[in-house]
Amino acid sequence: DDLRLKPLDASEFMENRPSRATGPLQIAHGDIARACG
């Protein structure tokens, strides 16, 4: 059912507080990415 726009209702989602930049939450500075891969 993926050939349409699918809004997400996250009203019942729970709050989670990660302690570090885990796999899906890694936001790297562009210069770091280009230099280090």
PDB file of all heavy atoms in Angstrom:
ATOM      1  N   ASP A   1       0.850  -1.195   0.000  1.00  0.00           N
ATOM      2  CA  ASP A   1       0.000   0.000   0.000  1.00  0.00           C
ATOM      3  C   ASP A   1       0.884   1.243   0.000  1.00  0.00           C
ATOM      4  O   ASP A   1       0.660   2.184   0.756  1.00  0.00           O
ATOM      5  CB  ASP A   1      -0.909  -0.020   1.235  1.00  0.00           C
ATOM      6  CG  ASP A   1      -1.968   1.082   1.192  1.00  0.00           C
ATOM      7  OD1 ASP A   1      -2.288   1.544   0.081  1.00  0.00           O
ATOM      8  OD2 ASP A   1      -2.438   1.498   2.260  1.00  0.00           O
ATOM      9  N   ASP A   2       1.878   1.228  -0.877  1.00  0.00           N
ATOM     10  CA  ASP A   2       2.943   2.205  -0.763  1.00  0.00           C
ATOM     11  C   ASP A   2       2.960   3.252  -1.879  1.00  0.00           C
ATOM     12  O   ASP A   2       3.824   4.106  -1.902  1.00  0.00           O
ATOM     13  CB  ASP A   2       4.301   1.487  -0.737  1.00  0.00           C
ATOM     14  CG  ASP A   2       4.289   0.322   0.231  1.00  0.00           C
ATOM     15  OD1 ASP A   2       3.779   0.506   1.353  1.00  0.00           O
ATOM     16  OD2 ASP A   2       4.747  -0.767  -0.147  1.00  0.00           O
ATOM     17  N   LEU A   3       2.002   3.175  -2.810  1.00  0.00           N
ATOM     18  CA  LEU A   3       1.990   4.120  -3.923  1.00  0.00           C
ATOM     19  C   LEU A   3       1.005   5.248  -3.629  1.00  0.00           C
ATOM     20  O   LEU A   3       0.130   5.585  -4.428  1.00  0.00           O
ATOM     21  CB  LEU A   3       1.629   3.398  -5.223  1.00  0.00           C
ATOM     22  CG  LEU A   3       2.560   2.242  -5.590  1.00  0.00           C
ATOM     23  CD1 LEU A   3       2.202   1.675  -6.951  1.00  0.00           C
ATOM     24  CD2 LEU A   3       4.023   2.687  -5.570  1.00  0.00           C
ATOM     25  N   ARG A   4       1.161   5.825  -2.455  1.00  0.00           N
ATOM     26  CA  ARG A   4       0.357   6.963  -2.034  1.00  0.00           C
ATOM     27  C   ARG A   4       1.097   7.666  -0.908  1.00  0.00           C
ATOM     28  O   ARG A   4       2.057   7.125  -0.350  1.00  0.00           O
ATOM     29  CB  ARG A   4      -1.026   6.503  -1.551  1.00  0.00           C
ATOM     30  CG  ARG A   4      -0.989   5.652  -0.283  1.00  0.00           C
ATOM     31  CD  ARG A   4      -2.374   5.238   0.179  1.00  0.00           C
ATOM     32  NE  ARG A   4      -2.329   4.442   1.405  1.00  0.00           N
ATOM     33  CZ  ARG A   4      -2.361   4.949   2.631  1.00  0.00           C
ATOM     34  NH1 ARG A   4      -2.416   6.264   2.811  1.00  0.00           N
ATOM     35  NH2 ARG A   4      -2.331   4.161   3.697  1.00  0.00           N
ATOM     36  N   LEU A   5       0.651   8.858  -0.577  1.00  0.00           N
ATOM     37  CA  LEU A   5       1.218   9.553   0.575  1.00  0.00           C
ATOM     38  C   LEU A   5       0.646   8.933   1.844  1.00  0.00           C
ATOM     39  O   LEU A   5      -0.562   8.751   1.977  1.00  0.00           O
ATOM     40  CB  LEU A   5       0.898  11.040   0.508  1.00  0.00           C
ATOM     41  CG  LEU A   5       1.478  11.802  -0.692  1.00  0.00           C
ATOM     42  CD1 LEU A   5       1.106  13.271  -0.623  1.00  0.00           C
ATOM     43  CD2 LEU A   5       2.990  11.632  -0.762  1.00  0.00           C
ATOM     44  N   LYS A   6       1.526   8.621   2.777  1.00  0.00           N
ATOM     45  CA  LYS A   6       1.121   7.915   3.995  1.00  0.00           C
ATOM     46  C   LYS A   6       1.466   8.768   5.216  1.00  0.00           C
ATOM     47  O   LYS A   6       2.597   8.745   5.699  1.00  0.00           O
ATOM     48  CB  LYS A   6       1.818   6.552   4.072  1.00  0.00           C
ATOM     49  CG  LYS A   6       1.477   5.626   2.919  1.00  0.00           C
ATOM     50  CD  LYS A   6       2.302   4.343   2.943  1.00  0.00           C
ATOM     51  CE  LYS A   6       1.982   3.464   4.131  1.00  0.00           C
ATOM     52  NZ  LYS A   6       2.676   2.157   4.040  1.00  0.00           N
ATOM     53  N   PRO A   7       0.502   9.521   5.730  1.00  0.00           N
ATOM     54  CA  PRO A   7       0.766  10.291   6.964  1.00  0.00           C
ATOM     55  C   PRO A   7       0.911   9.352   8.147  1.00  0.00           C
ATOM     56  O   PRO A   7       0.314   8.275   8.192  1.00  0.00           O
ATOM     57  CB  PRO A   7      -0.469  11.180   7.098  1.00  0.00           C
ATOM     58  CG  PRO A   7      -1.547  10.437   6.377  1.00  0.00           C
ATOM     59  CD  PRO A   7      -0.878   9.718   5.236  1.00  0.00           C
ATOM     60  N   LEU A   8       1.713   9.753   9.116  1.00  0.00           N
ATOM     61  CA  LEU A   8       1.940   8.949  10.311  1.00  0.00           C
ATOM     62  C   LEU A   8       1.344   9.651  11.519  1.00  0.00           C
ATOM     63  O   LEU A   8       1.652  10.813  11.784  1.00  0.00           O
ATOM     64  CB  LEU A   8       3.447   8.735  10.530  1.00  0.00           C
ATOM     65  CG  LEU A   8       3.825   7.920  11.776  1.00  0.00           C
ATOM     66  CD1 LEU A   8       3.416   6.463  11.616  1.00  0.00           C
ATOM     67  CD2 LEU A   8       5.322   8.032  12.059  1.00  0.00           C
ATOM     68  N   ASP A   9       0.512   8.934  12.246  1.00  0.00           N
ATOM     69  CA  ASP A   9      -0.020   9.434  13.506  1.00  0.00           C
ATOM     70  C   ASP A   9       0.863   8.902  14.638  1.00  0.00           C
ATOM     71  O   ASP A   9       0.782   7.739  14.993  1.00  0.00           O
ATOM     72  CB  ASP A   9      -1.470   8.981  13.690  1.00  0.00           C
ATOM     73  CG  ASP A   9      -2.065   9.476  15.008  1.00  0.00           C
ATOM     74  OD1 ASP A   9      -1.391  10.255  15.711  1.00  0.00           O
ATOM     75  OD2 ASP A   9      -3.195   9.071  15.331  1.00  0.00           O
ATOM     76  N   ALA A  10       1.714   9.756  15.161  1.00  0.00           N
ATOM     77  CA  ALA A  10       2.656   9.336  16.201  1.00  0.00           C
ATOM     78  C   ALA A  10       2.201   9.763  17.588  1.00  0.00           C
ATOM     79  O   ALA A  10       3.007   9.834  18.514  1.00  0.00           O
ATOM     80  CB  ALA A  10       4.039   9.906  15.905  1.00  0.00           C
ATOM     81  N   SER A  11       0.910  10.024  17.737  1.00  0.00           N
ATOM     82  CA  SER A  11       0.405  10.537  19.016  1.00  0.00           C
ATOM     83  C   SER A  11       0.605   9.542  20.155  1.00  0.00           C
ATOM     84  O   SER A  11       0.705   9.944  21.317  1.00  0.00           O
ATOM     85  CB  SER A  11      -1.078  10.897  18.894  1.00  0.00           C
ATOM     86  OG  SER A  11      -1.851   9.762  18.503  1.00  0.00           O
ATOM     87  N   GLU A  12       0.642   8.258  19.842  1.00  0.00           N
ATOM     88  CA  GLU A  12       0.813   7.249  20.882  1.00  0.00           C
ATOM     89  C   GLU A  12       2.253   6.742  20.968  1.00  0.00           C
ATOM     90  O   GLU A  12       2.530   5.802  21.711  1.00  0.00           O
ATOM     91  CB  GLU A  12      -0.142   6.081  20.641  1.00  0.00           C
ATOM     92  CG  GLU A  12      -1.616   6.478  20.751  1.00  0.00           C
ATOM     93  CD  GLU A  12      -2.556   5.298  20.639  1.00  0.00           C
ATOM     94  OE1 GLU A  12      -2.065   4.149  20.536  1.00  0.00           O
ATOM     95  OE2 GLU A  12      -3.777   5.517  20.658  1.00  0.00           O
ATOM     96  N   PHE A  13       3.148   7.341  20.210  1.00  0.00           N
ATOM     97  CA  PHE A  13       4.550   6.952  20.295  1.00  0.00           C
ATOM     98  C   PHE A  13       5.120   7.392  21.640  1.00  0.00           C
ATOM     99  O   PHE A  13       4.678   8.376  22.225  1.00  0.00           O
ATOM    100  CB  PHE A  13       5.361   7.574  19.157  1.00  0.00           C
ATOM    101  CG  PHE A  13       5.216   6.861  17.836  1.00  0.00           C
ATOM    102  CD1 PHE A  13       4.048   6.200  17.497  1.00  0.00           C
ATOM    103  CD2 PHE A  13       6.252   6.860  16.918  1.00  0.00           C
ATOM    104  CE1 PHE A  13       3.906   5.549  16.285  1.00  0.00           C
ATOM    105  CE2 PHE A  13       6.128   6.222  15.700  1.00  0.00           C
ATOM    106  CZ  PHE A  13       4.956   5.570  15.381  1.00  0.00           C
ATOM    107  N   MET A  14       6.129   6.669  22.099  1.00  0.00           N
ATOM    108  CA  MET A  14       6.740   6.949  23.397  1.00  0.00           C
ATOM    109  C   MET A  14       8.042   7.737  23.231  1.00  0.00           C
ATOM    110  O   MET A  14       8.731   7.603  22.224  1.00  0.00           O
ATOM    111  CB  MET A  14       7.042   5.635  24.124  1.00  0.00           C
ATOM    112  CG  MET A  14       5.817   4.775  24.388  1.00  0.00           C
ATOM    113  SD  MET A  14       6.271   3.096  24.924  1.00  0.00           S
ATOM    114  CE  MET A  14       6.915   2.412  23.389  1.00  0.00           C
ATOM    115  N   GLU A  15       8.372   8.500  24.248  1.00  0.00           N
ATOM    116  CA  GLU A  15       9.620   9.266  24.235  1.00  0.00           C
ATOM    117  C   GLU A  15      10.792   8.366  24.589  1.00  0.00           C
ATOM    118  O   GLU A  15      10.739   7.592  25.534  1.00  0.00           O
ATOM    119  CB  GLU A  15       9.519  10.416  25.227  1.00  0.00           C
ATOM    120  CG  GLU A  15      10.685  11.375  25.192  1.00  0.00           C
ATOM    121  CD  GLU A  15      10.507  12.537  26.148  1.00  0.00           C
ATOM    122  OE1 GLU A  15       9.779  13.490  25.810  1.00  0.00           O
ATOM    123  OE2 GLU A  15      11.082  12.462  27.260  1.00  0.00           O
ATOM    124  N   ASN A  16      11.856   8.467  23.796  1.00  0.00           N
ATOM    125  CA  ASN A  16      13.081   7.721  24.068  1.00  0.00           C
ATOM    126  C   ASN A  16      14.259   8.696  24.023  1.00  0.00           C
ATOM    127  O   ASN A  16      14.320   9.565  23.154  1.00  0.00           O
ATOM    128  CB  ASN A  16      13.282   6.615  23.025  1.00  0.00           C
ATOM    129  CG  ASN A  16      14.550   5.815  23.273  1.00  0.00           C
ATOM    130  OD1 ASN A  16      14.776   5.299  24.360  1.00  0.00           O
ATOM    131  ND2 ASN A  16      15.411   5.725  22.259  1.00  0.00           N
ATOM    132  N   ARG A  17      15.170   8.551  24.976  1.00  0.00           N
ATOM    133  CA  ARG A  17      16.325   9.444  25.046  1.00  0.00           C
ATOM    134  C   ARG A  17      17.613   8.653  24.819  1.00  0.00           C
ATOM    135  O   ARG A  17      18.137   8.042  25.754  1.00  0.00           O
ATOM    136  CB  ARG A  17      16.362  10.162  26.404  1.00  0.00           C
ATOM    137  CG  ARG A  17      15.207  11.123  26.613  1.00  0.00           C
ATOM    138  CD  ARG A  17      15.268  11.850  27.950  1.00  0.00           C
ATOM    139  NE  ARG A  17      14.213  12.839  28.066  1.00  0.00           N
ATOM    140  CZ  ARG A  17      14.306  14.100  27.648  1.00  0.00           C
ATOM    141  NH1 ARG A  17      15.456  14.516  27.127  1.00  0.00           N
ATOM    142  NH2 ARG A  17      13.294  14.934  27.777  1.00  0.00           N
ATOM    143  N   PRO A  18      18.104   8.637  23.594  1.00  0.00           N
ATOM    144  CA  PRO A  18      19.345   7.909  23.318  1.00  0.00           C
ATOM    145  C   PRO A  18      20.534   8.566  24.012  1.00  0.00           C
ATOM    146  O   PRO A  18      20.530   9.773  24.269  1.00  0.00           O
ATOM    147  CB  PRO A  18      19.475   7.981  21.793  1.00  0.00           C
ATOM    148  CG  PRO A  18      18.674   9.182  21.401  1.00  0.00           C
ATOM    149  CD  PRO A  18      17.557   9.283  22.396  1.00  0.00           C
ATOM    150  N   SER A  19      21.548   7.762  24.299  1.00  0.00           N
ATOM    151  CA  SER A  19      22.728   8.266  25.004  1.00  0.00           C
ATOM    152  C   SER A  19      23.879   8.600  24.057  1.00  0.00           C
ATOM    153  O   SER A  19      24.912   9.115  24.478  1.00  0.00           O
ATOM    154  CB  SER A  19      23.209   7.228  26.026  1.00  0.00           C
ATOM    155  OG  SER A  19      23.547   6.011  25.379  1.00  0.00           O
ATOM    156  N   ARG A  20      23.700   8.317  22.782  1.00  0.00           N
ATOM    157  CA  ARG A  20      24.754   8.553  21.798  1.00  0.00           C
ATOM    158  C   ARG A  20      24.129   8.546  20.401  1.00  0.00           C
ATOM    159  O   ARG A  20      22.951   8.253  20.248  1.00  0.00           O
ATOM    160  CB  ARG A  20      25.850   7.483  21.895  1.00  0.00           C
ATOM    161  CG  ARG A  20      25.331   6.072  21.662  1.00  0.00           C
ATOM    162  CD  ARG A  20      26.331   5.028  22.100  1.00  0.00           C
ATOM    163  NE  ARG A  20      25.836   3.678  21.888  1.00  0.00           N
ATOM    164  CZ  ARG A  20      24.987   3.048  22.674  1.00  0.00           C
ATOM    165  NH1 ARG A  20      24.507   3.657  23.750  1.00  0.00           N
ATOM    166  NH2 ARG A  20      24.587   1.822  22.408  1.00  0.00           N
ATOM    167  N   ALA A  21      24.936   8.853  19.409  1.00  0.00           N
ATOM    168  CA  ALA A  21      24.456   8.883  18.028  1.00  0.00           C
ATOM    169  C   ALA A  21      24.385   7.459  17.484  1.00  0.00           C
ATOM    170  O   ALA A  21      25.321   6.962  16.856  1.00  0.00           O
ATOM    171  CB  ALA A  21      25.378   9.743  17.171  1.00  0.00           C
ATOM    172  N   THR A  22      23.267   6.800  17.729  1.00  0.00           N
ATOM    173  CA  THR A  22      23.090   5.425  17.275  1.00  0.00           C
ATOM    174  C   THR A  22      22.836   5.382  15.764  1.00  0.00           C
ATOM    175  O   THR A  22      22.662   6.423  15.123  1.00  0.00           O
ATOM    176  CB  THR A  22      21.926   4.756  18.013  1.00  0.00           C
ATOM    177  OG1 THR A  22      20.740   5.549  17.821  1.00  0.00           O
ATOM    178  CG2 THR A  22      22.225   4.659  19.511  1.00  0.00           C
ATOM    179  N   GLY A  23      22.774   4.171  15.219  1.00  0.00           N
ATOM    180  CA  GLY A  23      22.712   3.956  13.772  1.00  0.00           C
ATOM    181  C   GLY A  23      21.775   4.845  12.980  1.00  0.00           C
ATOM    182  O   GLY A  23      22.189   5.475  12.004  1.00  0.00           O
ATOM    183  N   PRO A  24      20.486   4.971  13.360  1.00  0.00           N
ATOM    184  CA  PRO A  24      19.584   5.814  12.569  1.00  0.00           C
ATOM    185  C   PRO A  24      19.607   7.287  12.957  1.00  0.00           C
ATOM    186  O   PRO A  24      18.870   8.078  12.394  1.00  0.00           O
ATOM    187  CB  PRO A  24      18.207   5.210  12.877  1.00  0.00           C
ATOM    188  CG  PRO A  24      18.343   4.659  14.260  1.00  0.00           C
ATOM    189  CD  PRO A  24      19.762   4.174  14.370  1.00  0.00           C
ATOM    190  N   LEU A  25      20.452   7.658  13.916  1.00  0.00           N
ATOM    191  CA  LEU A  25      20.448   9.025  14.451  1.00  0.00           C
ATOM    192  C   LEU A  25      21.813   9.691  14.318  1.00  0.00           C
ATOM    193  O   LEU A  25      22.148  10.579  15.090  1.00  0.00           O
ATOM    194  CB  LEU A  25      20.019   9.005  15.928  1.00  0.00           C
ATOM    195  CG  LEU A  25      18.648   8.398  16.229  1.00  0.00           C
ATOM    196  CD1 LEU A  25      18.412   8.328  17.737  1.00  0.00           C
ATOM    197  CD2 LEU A  25      17.532   9.189  15.557  1.00  0.00           C
ATOM    198  N   GLN A  26      22.587   9.303  13.333  1.00  0.00           N
ATOM    199  CA  GLN A  26      23.933   9.850  13.158  1.00  0.00           C
ATOM    200  C   GLN A  26      23.902  10.990  12.145  1.00  0.00           C
ATOM    201  O   GLN A  26      23.765  10.778  10.941  1.00  0.00           O
ATOM    202  CB  GLN A  26      24.895   8.755  12.689  1.00  0.00           C
ATOM    203  CG  GLN A  26      25.096   7.662  13.735  1.00  0.00           C
ATOM    204  CD  GLN A  26      26.086   6.606  13.287  1.00  0.00           C
ATOM    205  OE1 GLN A  26      26.157   6.257  12.114  1.00  0.00           O
ATOM    206  NE2 GLN A  26      26.865   6.093  14.223  1.00  0.00           N
ATOM    207  N   ILE A  27      24.054  12.210  12.644  1.00  0.00           N
ATOM    208  CA  ILE A  27      24.064  13.398  11.785  1.00  0.00           C
ATOM    209  C   ILE A  27      25.482  13.959  11.802  1.00  0.00           C
ATOM    210  O   ILE A  27      25.917  14.545  12.798  1.00  0.00           O
ATOM    211  CB  ILE A  27      23.056  14.449  12.279  1.00  0.00           C
ATOM    212  CG1 ILE A  27      21.666  13.820  12.486  1.00  0.00           C
ATOM    213  CG2 ILE A  27      22.972  15.606  11.292  1.00  0.00           C
ATOM    214  CD1 ILE A  27      20.657  14.759  13.134  1.00  0.00           C
ATOM    215  N   ALA A  28      26.206  13.748  10.720  1.00  0.00           N
ATOM    216  CA  ALA A  28      27.632  14.092  10.676  1.00  0.00           C
ATOM    217  C   ALA A  28      27.858  15.397   9.917  1.00  0.00           C
ATOM    218  O   ALA A  28      27.157  15.714   8.938  1.00  0.00           O
ATOM    219  CB  ALA A  28      28.424  12.967  10.012  1.00  0.00           C
ATOM    220  N   HIS A  29      28.831  16.157  10.379  1.00  0.00           N
ATOM    221  CA  HIS A  29      29.263  17.358   9.665  1.00  0.00           C
ATOM    222  C   HIS A  29      29.758  16.938   8.278  1.00  0.00           C
ATOM    223  O   HIS A  29      30.460  15.943   8.124  1.00  0.00           O
ATOM    224  CB  HIS A  29      30.379  18.036  10.454  1.00  0.00           C
ATOM    225  CG  HIS A  29      30.697  19.425  10.010  1.00  0.00           C
ATOM    226  ND1 HIS A  29      31.351  19.692   8.828  1.00  0.00           N
ATOM    227  CD2 HIS A  29      30.446  20.639  10.590  1.00  0.00           C
ATOM    228  CE1 HIS A  29      31.506  20.994   8.701  1.00  0.00           C
ATOM    229  NE2 HIS A  29      30.959  21.604   9.753  1.00  0.00           N
ATOM    230  N   GLY A  30      29.386  17.701   7.258  1.00  0.00           N
ATOM    231  CA  GLY A  30      29.752  17.336   5.895  1.00  0.00           C
ATOM    232  C   GLY A  30      31.245  17.188   5.679  1.00  0.00           C
ATOM    233  O   GLY A  30      31.693  16.300   4.943  1.00  0.00           O
ATOM    234  N   ASP A  31      32.054  18.041   6.321  1.00  0.00           N
ATOM    235  CA  ASP A  31      33.500  17.953   6.151  1.00  0.00           C
ATOM    236  C   ASP A  31      34.061  16.680   6.775  1.00  0.00           C
ATOM    237  O   ASP A  31      35.035  16.106   6.263  1.00  0.00           O
ATOM    238  CB  ASP A  31      34.173  19.179   6.765  1.00  0.00           C
ATOM    239  CG  ASP A  31      34.001  20.426   5.904  1.00  0.00           C
ATOM    240  OD1 ASP A  31      33.205  20.367   4.943  1.00  0.00           O
ATOM    241  OD2 ASP A  31      34.641  21.447   6.197  1.00  0.00           O
ATOM    242  N   ILE A  32      33.468  16.237   7.875  1.00  0.00           N
ATOM    243  CA  ILE A  32      33.873  14.962   8.475  1.00  0.00           C
ATOM    244  C   ILE A  32      33.558  13.818   7.526  1.00  0.00           C
ATOM    245  O   ILE A  32      34.372  12.909   7.313  1.00  0.00           O
ATOM    246  CB  ILE A  32      33.155  14.751   9.830  1.00  0.00           C
ATOM    247  CG1 ILE A  32      33.777  15.625  10.912  1.00  0.00           C
ATOM    248  CG2 ILE A  32      33.187  13.280  10.266  1.00  0.00           C
ATOM    249  CD1 ILE A  32      35.152  15.180  11.381  1.00  0.00           C
ATOM    250  N   ALA A  33      32.354  13.840   6.944  1.00  0.00           N
ATOM    251  CA  ALA A  33      31.946  12.773   6.034  1.00  0.00           C
ATOM    252  C   ALA A  33      32.869  12.702   4.828  1.00  0.00           C
ATOM    253  O   ALA A  33      33.332  11.614   4.445  1.00  0.00           O
ATOM    254  CB  ALA A  33      30.504  12.982   5.596  1.00  0.00           C
ATOM    255  N   ARG A  34      33.149  13.832   4.228  1.00  0.00           N
ATOM    256  CA  ARG A  34      33.987  13.832   3.024  1.00  0.00           C
ATOM    257  C   ARG A  34      35.416  13.403   3.321  1.00  0.00           C
ATOM    258  O   ARG A  34      36.049  12.702   2.530  1.00  0.00           O
ATOM    259  CB  ARG A  34      33.966  15.227   2.387  1.00  0.00           C
ATOM    260  CG  ARG A  34      32.665  15.545   1.662  1.00  0.00           C
ATOM    261  CD  ARG A  34      32.703  16.929   1.025  1.00  0.00           C
ATOM    262  NE  ARG A  34      32.544  17.988   2.024  1.00  0.00           N
ATOM    263  CZ  ARG A  34      31.372  18.481   2.419  1.00  0.00           C
ATOM    264  NH1 ARG A  34      30.255  17.991   1.915  1.00  0.00           N
ATOM    265  NH2 ARG A  34      31.303  19.455   3.314  1.00  0.00           N
ATOM    266  N   ALA A  35      35.946  13.809   4.469  1.00  0.00           N
ATOM    267  CA  ALA A  35      37.331  13.496   4.807  1.00  0.00           C
ATOM    268  C   ALA A  35      37.508  12.079   5.340  1.00  0.00           C
ATOM    269  O   ALA A  35      38.512  11.419   5.049  1.00  0.00           O
ATOM    270  CB  ALA A  35      37.851  14.502   5.839  1.00  0.00           C
ATOM    271  N   CYS A  36      36.536  11.594   6.113  1.00  0.00           N
ATOM    272  CA  CYS A  36      36.696  10.319   6.814  1.00  0.00           C
ATOM    273  C   CYS A  36      35.889   9.188   6.204  1.00  0.00           C
ATOM    274  O   CYS A  36      36.178   8.013   6.466  1.00  0.00           O
ATOM    275  CB  CYS A  36      36.288  10.474   8.282  1.00  0.00           C
ATOM    276  SG  CYS A  36      37.217  11.757   9.163  1.00  0.00           S
ATOM    277  N   GLY A  37      34.874   9.512   5.397  1.00  0.00           N
ATOM    278  CA  GLY A  37      34.018   8.464   4.873  1.00  0.00           C
ATOM    279  C   GLY A  37      33.220   7.802   5.981  1.00  0.00           C
ATOM    280  O   GLY A  37      32.959   8.396   7.027  1.00  0.00           O
TER     281      GLY A  37
END
